[in-house]
N, C-alpha and C. Protein backbone atom coordinates (compact mmCIF):
# COMPACT_ATOMS: atom_id res chain seq x y z
N UNK A 1 -17.04 -18.09 -12.14
CA UNK A 1 -17.21 -16.66 -12.35
C UNK A 1 -15.93 -16.08 -12.92
N UNK A 2 -16.03 -15.33 -13.99
CA UNK A 2 -14.86 -14.75 -14.63
C UNK A 2 -14.47 -13.46 -13.93
N UNK A 3 -13.16 -13.26 -13.61
CA UNK A 3 -12.75 -12.06 -12.92
C UNK A 3 -12.90 -10.83 -13.80
N UNK A 4 -13.02 -9.67 -13.17
CA UNK A 4 -13.10 -8.41 -13.89
C UNK A 4 -11.70 -8.00 -14.30
N UNK A 5 -11.32 -8.31 -15.53
CA UNK A 5 -9.96 -8.08 -15.98
C UNK A 5 -9.68 -6.59 -16.14
N UNK A 6 -10.71 -5.77 -16.35
CA UNK A 6 -10.48 -4.33 -16.45
C UNK A 6 -9.93 -3.78 -15.15
N UNK A 7 -10.45 -4.27 -14.03
CA UNK A 7 -9.94 -3.82 -12.74
C UNK A 7 -8.54 -4.37 -12.49
N UNK A 8 -8.33 -5.61 -12.87
CA UNK A 8 -7.03 -6.24 -12.63
C UNK A 8 -5.93 -5.49 -13.37
N UNK A 9 -6.22 -5.03 -14.57
CA UNK A 9 -5.19 -4.46 -15.42
C UNK A 9 -5.22 -2.93 -15.46
N UNK A 10 -5.84 -2.31 -14.47
CA UNK A 10 -6.01 -0.87 -14.54
C UNK A 10 -4.68 -0.11 -14.53
N UNK A 11 -3.63 -0.72 -13.96
CA UNK A 11 -2.33 -0.05 -13.91
C UNK A 11 -1.32 -0.71 -14.83
N UNK A 12 -1.79 -1.24 -15.96
CA UNK A 12 -0.92 -2.06 -16.80
C UNK A 12 0.21 -1.28 -17.44
N UNK A 13 0.06 0.01 -17.69
CA UNK A 13 1.10 0.74 -18.41
C UNK A 13 2.42 0.74 -17.65
N UNK A 14 2.36 1.00 -16.34
CA UNK A 14 3.57 0.95 -15.54
C UNK A 14 4.14 -0.44 -15.45
N UNK A 15 3.26 -1.42 -15.41
CA UNK A 15 3.68 -2.81 -15.28
C UNK A 15 4.50 -3.25 -16.49
N UNK A 16 4.13 -2.80 -17.68
CA UNK A 16 4.80 -3.24 -18.89
C UNK A 16 6.19 -2.63 -19.02
N UNK A 17 6.56 -1.71 -18.15
CA UNK A 17 7.91 -1.20 -18.17
C UNK A 17 8.90 -2.21 -17.61
N UNK A 18 8.41 -3.25 -16.95
CA UNK A 18 9.27 -4.28 -16.42
C UNK A 18 9.56 -5.33 -17.49
N UNK A 19 10.40 -6.31 -17.12
CA UNK A 19 10.81 -7.32 -18.10
C UNK A 19 9.75 -8.40 -18.23
N UNK A 20 8.53 -7.99 -18.56
CA UNK A 20 7.43 -8.90 -18.77
C UNK A 20 6.93 -8.70 -20.20
N UNK A 21 6.38 -9.74 -20.79
CA UNK A 21 6.36 -9.78 -22.25
C UNK A 21 4.98 -9.72 -22.89
N UNK A 22 3.92 -9.63 -22.11
CA UNK A 22 2.56 -9.63 -22.66
C UNK A 22 1.87 -8.30 -22.38
N UNK A 23 0.72 -8.13 -23.00
CA UNK A 23 -0.10 -6.95 -22.75
C UNK A 23 -1.46 -7.40 -22.24
N UNK A 24 -2.27 -6.50 -21.72
CA UNK A 24 -3.59 -6.87 -21.23
C UNK A 24 -4.47 -7.41 -22.35
N UNK A 25 -5.54 -8.11 -21.96
CA UNK A 25 -6.48 -8.61 -22.94
C UNK A 25 -6.61 -10.11 -22.91
N UNK A 26 -7.61 -10.60 -23.61
CA UNK A 26 -7.93 -12.02 -23.53
C UNK A 26 -6.85 -12.92 -24.10
N UNK A 27 -5.99 -12.41 -24.98
CA UNK A 27 -4.90 -13.21 -25.53
C UNK A 27 -3.55 -12.84 -24.93
N UNK A 28 -3.57 -11.94 -23.96
CA UNK A 28 -2.35 -11.53 -23.29
C UNK A 28 -2.31 -12.07 -21.87
N UNK A 29 -2.28 -11.15 -20.88
CA UNK A 29 -2.17 -11.59 -19.49
C UNK A 29 -3.38 -12.40 -19.03
N UNK A 30 -4.54 -12.13 -19.60
CA UNK A 30 -5.72 -12.90 -19.21
C UNK A 30 -5.56 -14.36 -19.59
N UNK A 31 -5.07 -14.62 -20.80
CA UNK A 31 -4.84 -16.00 -21.24
C UNK A 31 -3.73 -16.64 -20.43
N UNK A 32 -2.68 -15.89 -20.16
CA UNK A 32 -1.58 -16.43 -19.35
C UNK A 32 -2.07 -16.85 -17.98
N UNK A 33 -2.84 -15.99 -17.33
CA UNK A 33 -3.37 -16.32 -16.01
C UNK A 33 -4.25 -17.57 -16.08
N UNK A 34 -5.02 -17.69 -17.13
CA UNK A 34 -5.87 -18.87 -17.29
C UNK A 34 -5.03 -20.13 -17.43
N UNK A 35 -3.97 -20.09 -18.25
CA UNK A 35 -3.13 -21.27 -18.49
C UNK A 35 -2.40 -21.68 -17.22
N UNK A 36 -1.82 -20.71 -16.51
CA UNK A 36 -1.11 -21.04 -15.27
C UNK A 36 -2.10 -21.53 -14.22
N UNK A 37 -3.24 -20.86 -14.10
CA UNK A 37 -4.23 -21.27 -13.12
C UNK A 37 -4.75 -22.67 -13.35
N UNK A 38 -5.03 -23.00 -14.61
CA UNK A 38 -5.50 -24.35 -14.94
C UNK A 38 -4.44 -25.40 -14.61
N UNK A 39 -3.17 -25.06 -14.88
CA UNK A 39 -2.09 -26.00 -14.57
C UNK A 39 -1.98 -26.23 -13.07
N UNK A 40 -2.14 -25.16 -12.29
CA UNK A 40 -2.07 -25.30 -10.83
C UNK A 40 -3.24 -26.14 -10.32
N UNK A 41 -4.43 -25.85 -10.79
CA UNK A 41 -5.61 -26.58 -10.31
C UNK A 41 -5.54 -28.06 -10.70
N UNK A 42 -4.92 -28.37 -11.84
CA UNK A 42 -4.83 -29.75 -12.29
C UNK A 42 -3.66 -30.52 -11.66
N UNK A 43 -2.73 -29.80 -11.05
CA UNK A 43 -1.54 -30.44 -10.49
C UNK A 43 -1.88 -31.26 -9.24
N UNK A 44 -1.11 -32.30 -8.96
CA UNK A 44 -1.33 -33.06 -7.72
C UNK A 44 -1.03 -32.20 -6.50
N UNK A 45 -1.60 -32.57 -5.39
CA UNK A 45 -1.40 -31.79 -4.16
C UNK A 45 0.04 -31.86 -3.68
N UNK A 46 0.70 -32.99 -3.92
CA UNK A 46 2.09 -33.15 -3.44
C UNK A 46 2.89 -33.93 -4.48
N UNK A 47 4.01 -33.34 -4.90
CA UNK A 47 4.93 -34.01 -5.80
C UNK A 47 6.30 -34.11 -5.13
N UNK A 48 6.82 -35.31 -5.09
CA UNK A 48 8.13 -35.53 -4.47
C UNK A 48 9.22 -34.71 -5.16
N UNK A 49 9.12 -34.57 -6.47
CA UNK A 49 10.15 -33.84 -7.22
C UNK A 49 10.19 -32.36 -6.86
N UNK A 50 9.10 -31.83 -6.31
CA UNK A 50 9.06 -30.42 -5.94
C UNK A 50 9.68 -30.15 -4.58
N UNK A 51 9.86 -31.19 -3.78
CA UNK A 51 10.28 -31.02 -2.39
C UNK A 51 11.62 -30.29 -2.26
N UNK A 52 12.67 -30.64 -3.04
CA UNK A 52 13.95 -29.93 -2.86
C UNK A 52 13.84 -28.42 -3.04
N UNK A 53 13.05 -27.97 -4.01
CA UNK A 53 12.93 -26.54 -4.24
C UNK A 53 12.20 -25.85 -3.10
N UNK A 54 11.14 -26.48 -2.59
CA UNK A 54 10.42 -25.90 -1.46
C UNK A 54 11.29 -25.89 -0.20
N UNK A 55 12.06 -26.96 0.01
CA UNK A 55 12.94 -27.01 1.17
C UNK A 55 14.04 -25.96 1.07
N UNK A 56 14.49 -25.69 -0.16
CA UNK A 56 15.53 -24.66 -0.36
C UNK A 56 15.01 -23.27 -0.03
N UNK A 57 13.70 -23.09 -0.04
CA UNK A 57 13.13 -21.79 0.30
C UNK A 57 13.33 -21.44 1.76
N UNK A 58 13.44 -22.44 2.63
CA UNK A 58 13.44 -22.18 4.07
C UNK A 58 14.65 -21.34 4.50
N UNK A 59 15.90 -21.73 4.19
CA UNK A 59 17.01 -20.86 4.58
C UNK A 59 17.00 -19.51 3.88
N UNK A 60 16.50 -19.47 2.64
CA UNK A 60 16.38 -18.19 1.93
C UNK A 60 15.40 -17.28 2.65
N UNK A 61 14.26 -17.82 3.07
CA UNK A 61 13.26 -17.04 3.79
C UNK A 61 13.84 -16.53 5.11
N UNK A 62 14.55 -17.39 5.83
CA UNK A 62 15.15 -16.98 7.10
C UNK A 62 16.11 -15.81 6.90
N UNK A 63 16.93 -15.89 5.86
CA UNK A 63 17.91 -14.84 5.58
C UNK A 63 17.23 -13.52 5.25
N UNK A 64 16.24 -13.57 4.36
CA UNK A 64 15.57 -12.35 3.95
C UNK A 64 14.73 -11.76 5.08
N UNK A 65 14.17 -12.63 5.91
CA UNK A 65 13.36 -12.14 7.02
C UNK A 65 14.20 -11.32 7.99
N UNK A 66 15.42 -11.73 8.23
CA UNK A 66 16.29 -10.97 9.14
C UNK A 66 16.51 -9.56 8.61
N UNK A 67 16.62 -9.42 7.29
CA UNK A 67 16.80 -8.09 6.71
C UNK A 67 15.56 -7.23 6.90
N UNK A 68 14.40 -7.84 6.68
CA UNK A 68 13.15 -7.08 6.82
C UNK A 68 12.92 -6.71 8.29
N UNK A 69 13.16 -7.67 9.18
CA UNK A 69 12.93 -7.43 10.61
C UNK A 69 13.91 -6.40 11.16
N UNK A 70 15.00 -6.15 10.45
CA UNK A 70 15.93 -5.11 10.86
C UNK A 70 15.46 -3.72 10.49
N UNK A 71 14.44 -3.63 9.65
CA UNK A 71 13.92 -2.35 9.20
C UNK A 71 12.61 -1.96 9.86
N UNK A 72 11.74 -2.95 10.12
CA UNK A 72 10.44 -2.68 10.73
C UNK A 72 10.13 -3.78 11.74
N UNK A 73 9.16 -3.52 12.59
CA UNK A 73 8.66 -4.54 13.50
C UNK A 73 7.62 -5.39 12.77
N UNK A 74 7.65 -6.69 13.01
CA UNK A 74 6.68 -7.62 12.42
C UNK A 74 5.75 -8.08 13.53
N UNK A 75 4.45 -7.91 13.31
CA UNK A 75 3.46 -8.30 14.31
C UNK A 75 2.53 -9.38 13.73
N UNK A 76 2.72 -10.64 14.11
CA UNK A 76 1.78 -11.68 13.66
C UNK A 76 0.41 -11.46 14.29
N UNK A 77 -0.63 -11.56 13.47
CA UNK A 77 -2.00 -11.38 13.96
C UNK A 77 -2.88 -12.50 13.39
N UNK A 78 -3.92 -12.92 14.12
CA UNK A 78 -4.76 -14.03 13.69
C UNK A 78 -5.87 -13.63 12.72
N UNK A 79 -5.56 -12.71 11.81
CA UNK A 79 -6.54 -12.26 10.82
C UNK A 79 -5.78 -11.56 9.70
N UNK A 80 -6.46 -11.34 8.57
CA UNK A 80 -5.86 -10.60 7.47
C UNK A 80 -6.07 -9.11 7.75
N UNK A 81 -4.99 -8.41 8.05
CA UNK A 81 -5.09 -7.05 8.59
C UNK A 81 -5.38 -6.00 7.53
N UNK A 82 -5.02 -6.25 6.28
CA UNK A 82 -5.13 -5.21 5.25
C UNK A 82 -5.98 -5.70 4.09
N UNK A 83 -6.95 -4.89 3.71
CA UNK A 83 -7.76 -5.25 2.56
C UNK A 83 -7.16 -4.73 1.26
N UNK A 84 -6.27 -3.75 1.36
CA UNK A 84 -5.58 -3.23 0.18
C UNK A 84 -4.11 -3.02 0.51
N UNK A 85 -3.29 -2.97 -0.54
CA UNK A 85 -1.87 -2.69 -0.34
C UNK A 85 -1.67 -1.27 0.16
N UNK A 86 -2.57 -0.37 -0.23
CA UNK A 86 -2.49 1.00 0.26
C UNK A 86 -2.62 1.07 1.77
N UNK A 87 -3.51 0.27 2.34
CA UNK A 87 -3.65 0.23 3.79
C UNK A 87 -2.36 -0.26 4.44
N UNK A 88 -1.75 -1.28 3.85
CA UNK A 88 -0.49 -1.79 4.38
C UNK A 88 0.58 -0.71 4.37
N UNK A 89 0.73 -0.02 3.24
CA UNK A 89 1.78 0.99 3.12
C UNK A 89 1.54 2.15 4.09
N UNK A 90 0.28 2.54 4.26
CA UNK A 90 -0.03 3.62 5.20
C UNK A 90 0.31 3.22 6.62
N UNK A 91 -0.06 2.01 7.01
CA UNK A 91 0.19 1.54 8.37
C UNK A 91 1.68 1.44 8.65
N UNK A 92 2.41 0.82 7.72
CA UNK A 92 3.85 0.66 7.92
C UNK A 92 4.54 2.03 7.95
N UNK A 93 4.15 2.93 7.06
CA UNK A 93 4.76 4.25 7.05
C UNK A 93 4.50 5.02 8.33
N UNK A 94 3.34 4.82 8.93
CA UNK A 94 2.97 5.56 10.14
C UNK A 94 3.55 4.95 11.40
N UNK A 95 3.57 3.60 11.46
CA UNK A 95 3.92 2.93 12.72
C UNK A 95 5.26 2.21 12.69
N UNK A 96 5.86 2.05 11.49
CA UNK A 96 7.08 1.24 11.34
C UNK A 96 6.86 -0.18 11.82
N UNK A 97 5.63 -0.65 11.68
CA UNK A 97 5.25 -2.01 12.08
C UNK A 97 4.33 -2.56 11.01
N UNK A 98 4.51 -3.84 10.70
CA UNK A 98 3.65 -4.48 9.70
C UNK A 98 2.99 -5.71 10.29
N UNK A 99 1.68 -5.77 10.17
CA UNK A 99 0.93 -6.92 10.65
C UNK A 99 0.98 -8.03 9.59
N UNK A 100 1.16 -9.26 10.03
CA UNK A 100 1.23 -10.42 9.13
C UNK A 100 0.26 -11.48 9.64
N UNK A 101 -0.62 -11.93 8.77
CA UNK A 101 -1.66 -12.89 9.17
C UNK A 101 -1.07 -14.27 9.45
N UNK A 102 -1.56 -14.89 10.50
CA UNK A 102 -1.18 -16.27 10.82
C UNK A 102 -2.24 -17.27 10.35
N UNK A 103 -3.39 -16.78 9.89
CA UNK A 103 -4.46 -17.68 9.45
C UNK A 103 -4.17 -18.20 8.05
N UNK A 104 -4.87 -19.27 7.68
CA UNK A 104 -4.72 -19.89 6.36
C UNK A 104 -3.26 -20.24 6.09
N UNK A 105 -2.62 -20.85 7.06
CA UNK A 105 -1.18 -21.13 6.97
C UNK A 105 -0.85 -22.61 6.83
N UNK A 106 -1.84 -23.42 6.46
CA UNK A 106 -1.57 -24.85 6.30
C UNK A 106 -0.59 -25.06 5.15
N UNK A 107 0.47 -25.81 5.40
CA UNK A 107 1.50 -26.02 4.39
C UNK A 107 2.19 -27.35 4.66
N UNK A 108 2.45 -28.11 3.61
CA UNK A 108 3.05 -29.43 3.78
C UNK A 108 4.56 -29.40 3.95
N UNK A 109 5.19 -28.24 3.76
CA UNK A 109 6.64 -28.13 3.93
C UNK A 109 6.99 -27.07 4.97
N UNK A 110 6.38 -25.91 4.91
CA UNK A 110 6.70 -24.82 5.82
C UNK A 110 5.95 -24.98 7.14
N UNK A 111 6.65 -24.76 8.27
CA UNK A 111 5.94 -24.65 9.53
C UNK A 111 5.34 -23.24 9.63
N UNK A 112 4.58 -22.99 10.68
CA UNK A 112 3.89 -21.71 10.81
C UNK A 112 4.88 -20.56 10.82
N UNK A 113 5.99 -20.72 11.50
CA UNK A 113 6.97 -19.65 11.60
C UNK A 113 7.54 -19.29 10.22
N UNK A 114 7.85 -20.30 9.41
CA UNK A 114 8.39 -20.06 8.06
C UNK A 114 7.35 -19.39 7.18
N UNK A 115 6.10 -19.83 7.31
CA UNK A 115 5.04 -19.25 6.49
C UNK A 115 4.84 -17.76 6.82
N UNK A 116 4.89 -17.43 8.10
CA UNK A 116 4.76 -16.04 8.52
C UNK A 116 5.94 -15.22 7.99
N UNK A 117 7.13 -15.77 8.08
CA UNK A 117 8.32 -15.06 7.58
C UNK A 117 8.22 -14.81 6.08
N UNK A 118 7.75 -15.82 5.33
CA UNK A 118 7.63 -15.65 3.89
C UNK A 118 6.61 -14.57 3.56
N UNK A 119 5.49 -14.57 4.26
CA UNK A 119 4.49 -13.53 4.04
C UNK A 119 5.06 -12.15 4.34
N UNK A 120 5.87 -12.07 5.39
CA UNK A 120 6.44 -10.77 5.79
C UNK A 120 7.38 -10.25 4.71
N UNK A 121 8.29 -11.08 4.21
CA UNK A 121 9.22 -10.59 3.19
C UNK A 121 8.49 -10.29 1.89
N UNK A 122 7.50 -11.10 1.56
CA UNK A 122 6.72 -10.86 0.35
C UNK A 122 6.00 -9.52 0.44
N UNK A 123 5.31 -9.28 1.55
CA UNK A 123 4.53 -8.06 1.69
C UNK A 123 5.42 -6.83 1.76
N UNK A 124 6.53 -6.93 2.49
CA UNK A 124 7.37 -5.74 2.66
C UNK A 124 8.16 -5.43 1.39
N UNK A 125 8.82 -6.43 0.81
CA UNK A 125 9.70 -6.17 -0.32
C UNK A 125 8.94 -5.87 -1.61
N UNK A 126 7.69 -6.33 -1.70
CA UNK A 126 6.95 -6.07 -2.94
C UNK A 126 5.81 -5.07 -2.72
N UNK A 127 4.88 -5.40 -1.85
CA UNK A 127 3.71 -4.53 -1.69
C UNK A 127 4.04 -3.21 -1.01
N UNK A 128 5.12 -3.17 -0.22
CA UNK A 128 5.47 -1.92 0.45
C UNK A 128 6.56 -1.15 -0.27
N UNK A 129 7.67 -1.80 -0.62
CA UNK A 129 8.81 -1.05 -1.15
C UNK A 129 9.09 -1.32 -2.62
N UNK A 130 8.37 -2.24 -3.26
CA UNK A 130 8.67 -2.60 -4.64
C UNK A 130 8.35 -1.49 -5.64
N UNK A 131 8.87 -1.63 -6.85
CA UNK A 131 8.63 -0.70 -7.96
C UNK A 131 8.98 0.73 -7.53
N UNK A 132 10.27 0.94 -7.22
CA UNK A 132 10.76 2.26 -6.85
C UNK A 132 9.99 2.85 -5.66
N UNK A 133 9.73 1.98 -4.69
CA UNK A 133 9.06 2.35 -3.43
C UNK A 133 7.60 2.72 -3.58
N UNK A 134 7.02 2.51 -4.78
CA UNK A 134 5.58 2.74 -4.92
C UNK A 134 4.78 1.58 -4.36
N UNK A 135 5.37 0.38 -4.36
CA UNK A 135 4.69 -0.79 -3.88
C UNK A 135 3.80 -1.41 -4.94
N UNK A 136 3.50 -2.68 -4.79
CA UNK A 136 2.62 -3.39 -5.72
C UNK A 136 1.26 -3.61 -5.06
N UNK A 137 0.27 -3.93 -5.89
CA UNK A 137 -1.10 -4.03 -5.39
C UNK A 137 -1.50 -5.47 -5.10
N UNK A 138 -2.63 -5.62 -4.41
CA UNK A 138 -3.19 -6.93 -4.10
C UNK A 138 -4.07 -7.40 -5.26
N UNK A 139 -3.49 -7.65 -6.40
CA UNK A 139 -4.25 -8.16 -7.54
C UNK A 139 -3.31 -8.99 -8.41
N UNK A 140 -3.83 -9.49 -9.51
CA UNK A 140 -3.02 -10.33 -10.38
C UNK A 140 -1.76 -9.60 -10.82
N UNK A 141 -1.92 -8.39 -11.32
CA UNK A 141 -0.78 -7.61 -11.77
C UNK A 141 0.23 -7.42 -10.65
N UNK A 142 -0.25 -7.04 -9.49
CA UNK A 142 0.63 -6.79 -8.36
C UNK A 142 1.42 -8.00 -7.95
N UNK A 143 0.79 -9.18 -7.97
CA UNK A 143 1.49 -10.39 -7.57
C UNK A 143 2.52 -10.81 -8.63
N UNK A 144 2.21 -10.59 -9.91
CA UNK A 144 3.21 -10.88 -10.94
C UNK A 144 4.38 -9.92 -10.82
N UNK A 145 4.11 -8.67 -10.54
CA UNK A 145 5.18 -7.72 -10.26
C UNK A 145 6.01 -8.17 -9.06
N UNK A 146 5.31 -8.62 -8.02
CA UNK A 146 6.00 -9.06 -6.80
C UNK A 146 6.94 -10.22 -7.10
N UNK A 147 6.46 -11.17 -7.88
CA UNK A 147 7.29 -12.31 -8.25
C UNK A 147 8.53 -11.83 -8.99
N UNK A 148 8.35 -10.91 -9.91
CA UNK A 148 9.48 -10.37 -10.67
C UNK A 148 10.50 -9.70 -9.76
N UNK A 149 10.01 -9.02 -8.72
CA UNK A 149 10.89 -8.39 -7.74
C UNK A 149 11.69 -9.45 -6.99
N UNK A 150 11.02 -10.52 -6.54
CA UNK A 150 11.69 -11.56 -5.78
C UNK A 150 12.80 -12.24 -6.58
N UNK A 151 12.64 -12.33 -7.90
CA UNK A 151 13.64 -13.01 -8.71
C UNK A 151 15.01 -12.36 -8.60
N UNK A 152 15.07 -11.09 -8.24
CA UNK A 152 16.35 -10.39 -8.15
C UNK A 152 17.19 -10.90 -6.98
N UNK A 153 16.57 -11.53 -5.99
CA UNK A 153 17.29 -11.98 -4.81
C UNK A 153 17.24 -13.49 -4.60
N UNK A 154 16.47 -14.20 -5.40
CA UNK A 154 16.19 -15.61 -5.14
C UNK A 154 17.23 -16.54 -5.76
N UNK A 155 17.79 -17.48 -5.00
CA UNK A 155 18.71 -18.46 -5.57
C UNK A 155 17.98 -19.34 -6.60
N UNK A 156 18.69 -19.81 -7.64
CA UNK A 156 18.03 -20.60 -8.69
C UNK A 156 17.27 -21.82 -8.17
N UNK A 157 17.78 -22.47 -7.14
CA UNK A 157 17.11 -23.68 -6.64
C UNK A 157 15.73 -23.37 -6.08
N UNK A 158 15.50 -22.14 -5.67
CA UNK A 158 14.25 -21.75 -5.04
C UNK A 158 13.19 -21.34 -6.06
N UNK A 159 13.63 -20.92 -7.24
CA UNK A 159 12.73 -20.29 -8.20
C UNK A 159 11.53 -21.16 -8.59
N UNK A 160 11.68 -22.46 -8.88
CA UNK A 160 10.49 -23.25 -9.25
C UNK A 160 9.41 -23.25 -8.17
N UNK A 161 9.81 -23.36 -6.90
CA UNK A 161 8.83 -23.34 -5.81
C UNK A 161 8.23 -21.95 -5.66
N UNK A 162 9.04 -20.91 -5.83
CA UNK A 162 8.54 -19.55 -5.73
C UNK A 162 7.50 -19.28 -6.80
N UNK A 163 7.71 -19.79 -8.01
CA UNK A 163 6.73 -19.62 -9.08
C UNK A 163 5.39 -20.26 -8.68
N UNK A 164 5.45 -21.45 -8.13
CA UNK A 164 4.22 -22.11 -7.68
C UNK A 164 3.53 -21.32 -6.58
N UNK A 165 4.33 -20.86 -5.60
CA UNK A 165 3.78 -20.17 -4.44
C UNK A 165 3.14 -18.83 -4.80
N UNK A 166 3.74 -18.09 -5.71
CA UNK A 166 3.27 -16.74 -6.01
C UNK A 166 2.43 -16.73 -7.29
N UNK A 167 3.04 -17.05 -8.42
CA UNK A 167 2.35 -16.97 -9.70
C UNK A 167 1.26 -18.03 -9.79
N UNK A 168 1.60 -19.27 -9.43
CA UNK A 168 0.62 -20.34 -9.51
C UNK A 168 -0.61 -20.08 -8.67
N UNK A 169 -0.40 -19.64 -7.44
CA UNK A 169 -1.53 -19.45 -6.55
C UNK A 169 -2.42 -18.28 -6.97
N UNK A 170 -1.80 -17.16 -7.39
CA UNK A 170 -2.65 -16.01 -7.76
C UNK A 170 -3.39 -16.29 -9.06
N UNK A 171 -2.76 -16.98 -10.01
CA UNK A 171 -3.46 -17.31 -11.25
C UNK A 171 -4.58 -18.31 -10.99
N UNK A 172 -4.34 -19.25 -10.09
CA UNK A 172 -5.39 -20.21 -9.73
C UNK A 172 -6.57 -19.50 -9.06
N UNK A 173 -6.28 -18.48 -8.28
CA UNK A 173 -7.35 -17.71 -7.62
C UNK A 173 -8.30 -17.12 -8.67
N UNK A 174 -7.74 -16.49 -9.69
CA UNK A 174 -8.59 -15.88 -10.71
C UNK A 174 -9.22 -16.91 -11.63
N UNK A 175 -8.52 -18.01 -11.90
CA UNK A 175 -9.10 -19.06 -12.73
C UNK A 175 -10.19 -19.83 -12.00
N UNK A 176 -10.15 -19.75 -10.67
CA UNK A 176 -11.06 -20.51 -9.82
C UNK A 176 -12.24 -19.65 -9.35
N UNK A 177 -12.56 -18.59 -10.11
CA UNK A 177 -13.69 -17.75 -9.74
C UNK A 177 -13.45 -16.91 -8.52
N UNK A 178 -12.22 -16.37 -8.39
CA UNK A 178 -11.86 -15.53 -7.25
C UNK A 178 -11.96 -16.28 -5.92
N UNK A 179 -11.58 -17.56 -5.96
CA UNK A 179 -11.56 -18.38 -4.75
C UNK A 179 -10.17 -18.99 -4.62
N UNK A 180 -9.64 -19.00 -3.40
CA UNK A 180 -8.33 -19.57 -3.17
C UNK A 180 -8.36 -21.08 -3.37
N UNK A 181 -7.37 -21.59 -4.09
CA UNK A 181 -7.22 -23.03 -4.27
C UNK A 181 -6.42 -23.61 -3.11
N UNK A 182 -6.46 -24.92 -2.97
CA UNK A 182 -5.71 -25.54 -1.88
C UNK A 182 -4.21 -25.37 -2.10
N UNK A 183 -3.49 -25.33 -0.99
CA UNK A 183 -2.04 -25.22 -1.04
C UNK A 183 -1.45 -26.49 -1.66
N UNK A 184 -0.53 -26.34 -2.60
CA UNK A 184 0.07 -27.50 -3.26
C UNK A 184 1.59 -27.42 -3.25
N UNK A 185 2.20 -28.58 -3.13
CA UNK A 185 3.65 -28.71 -3.29
C UNK A 185 3.85 -29.37 -4.65
N UNK A 186 4.03 -28.56 -5.67
CA UNK A 186 4.11 -29.07 -7.03
C UNK A 186 4.95 -28.13 -7.87
N UNK A 187 5.35 -28.59 -9.04
CA UNK A 187 6.05 -27.76 -10.01
C UNK A 187 5.16 -27.59 -11.23
N UNK A 188 5.16 -26.41 -11.78
CA UNK A 188 4.31 -26.11 -12.93
C UNK A 188 5.19 -26.09 -14.18
N UNK A 189 5.11 -27.17 -14.94
CA UNK A 189 5.92 -27.31 -16.14
C UNK A 189 5.35 -26.48 -17.29
N UNK A 190 6.23 -26.14 -18.22
CA UNK A 190 5.78 -25.48 -19.44
C UNK A 190 5.74 -23.97 -19.37
N UNK A 191 6.17 -23.39 -18.23
CA UNK A 191 6.18 -21.94 -18.07
C UNK A 191 7.61 -21.48 -17.78
N UNK A 192 8.00 -20.38 -18.39
CA UNK A 192 9.33 -19.84 -18.15
C UNK A 192 9.32 -19.12 -16.80
N UNK A 193 10.12 -19.60 -15.86
CA UNK A 193 10.11 -19.05 -14.51
C UNK A 193 10.80 -17.68 -14.43
N UNK A 194 11.59 -17.34 -15.44
CA UNK A 194 12.33 -16.08 -15.41
C UNK A 194 11.73 -15.02 -16.32
N UNK A 195 11.14 -15.42 -17.42
CA UNK A 195 10.48 -14.47 -18.32
C UNK A 195 8.99 -14.71 -18.22
N UNK A 196 8.39 -14.04 -17.25
CA UNK A 196 6.98 -14.27 -16.94
C UNK A 196 6.13 -13.89 -18.14
N UNK A 197 5.29 -14.81 -18.57
CA UNK A 197 4.45 -14.61 -19.74
C UNK A 197 4.75 -15.59 -20.86
N UNK A 198 5.93 -16.19 -20.84
CA UNK A 198 6.30 -17.15 -21.88
C UNK A 198 5.80 -18.53 -21.50
N UNK A 199 5.14 -19.20 -22.48
CA UNK A 199 4.49 -20.48 -22.24
C UNK A 199 4.92 -21.45 -23.34
N UNK A 200 5.28 -22.66 -22.93
CA UNK A 200 5.66 -23.70 -23.89
C UNK A 200 4.47 -23.99 -24.82
N UNK A 201 4.76 -24.07 -26.12
CA UNK A 201 3.70 -24.35 -27.09
C UNK A 201 3.02 -23.13 -27.63
N UNK A 202 3.44 -21.94 -27.17
CA UNK A 202 2.88 -20.68 -27.62
C UNK A 202 4.00 -19.75 -28.10
N UNK A 203 3.73 -19.00 -29.13
CA UNK A 203 4.60 -17.91 -29.54
C UNK A 203 4.01 -16.60 -29.02
N UNK A 204 4.87 -15.59 -28.90
CA UNK A 204 4.40 -14.27 -28.51
C UNK A 204 4.50 -13.36 -29.73
N UNK A 205 3.35 -12.92 -30.20
CA UNK A 205 3.27 -12.05 -31.36
C UNK A 205 2.49 -10.81 -30.96
N UNK A 206 3.13 -9.66 -31.14
CA UNK A 206 2.51 -8.40 -30.72
C UNK A 206 2.06 -8.43 -29.27
N UNK A 207 2.91 -9.04 -28.44
CA UNK A 207 2.67 -9.13 -26.99
C UNK A 207 1.41 -9.94 -26.65
N UNK A 208 1.03 -10.86 -27.51
CA UNK A 208 -0.07 -11.78 -27.24
C UNK A 208 0.40 -13.22 -27.43
N UNK A 209 -0.23 -14.14 -26.71
CA UNK A 209 0.09 -15.55 -26.83
C UNK A 209 -0.68 -16.16 -28.03
N UNK A 210 0.08 -16.79 -28.90
CA UNK A 210 -0.52 -17.44 -30.07
C UNK A 210 -0.09 -18.90 -30.06
N UNK A 211 -1.06 -19.80 -30.00
CA UNK A 211 -0.74 -21.22 -29.93
C UNK A 211 -0.13 -21.69 -31.23
N UNK A 212 0.94 -22.50 -31.12
CA UNK A 212 1.59 -23.02 -32.32
C UNK A 212 0.74 -24.08 -32.99
C-alpha cells in the first residue's frame, strides 16, 4: 500500500528551511524515502561492521538522557501513550512529565533501559522542543527533521547507527505499506548521513533526485 504523501508533506514549506536538499513529490522526498526504505528492508538483520557505531550510541544516550531527565519527569509505560506529537506536547506542557513506551523494544544491542532512554531523548528534543520549540510531527517529515536536530549533538561515531535507527526505520515504514519493519543492526551505504536527501548515483536537479 502506497502512503498518502500529501498528508506526509503537508508542512513541507517550513521543513525546507532546514539544511535539507529535496522538495516534495515523487522525484523528491517520496523517492528518497523509497530508496532508503528499500535499502533498509534489503539489509541483513545483523552486520558486525555496524556494531561499533551502535555501541557508541549507549554512552551518548546516557549523557543526553541525564539532560532531559533534569528538565522533566520520564514515566515508562507499557503502551504507546501518544497518537500524535501534539498530544505529547500538550501532556508535557501541562504535567512536566513525558510518558515513554516500553513495548516493541526488542533490540540486539540496546537493553530495555537504553531503548527507553533513547526514545525519551528523541521524543523530547525533537517532537517536543525541536524547530524553535514548535516540535516535530509523527510522520516522515517529522522524523527527518528529528534526525537533523540530533545531528547537532551527536558524535561522528554514532551518526551511521543513528541514521539507521531514525531515517532507515521511518523510510522502511512507509516503503513497507505503513508497517514497521524488524529492528536491524546494519549500516545503510550510499546515503549522505549529514546532508539528508543526497544519494549515491543520483544528482540533485531543481531539488529532485535524478539518476545518473
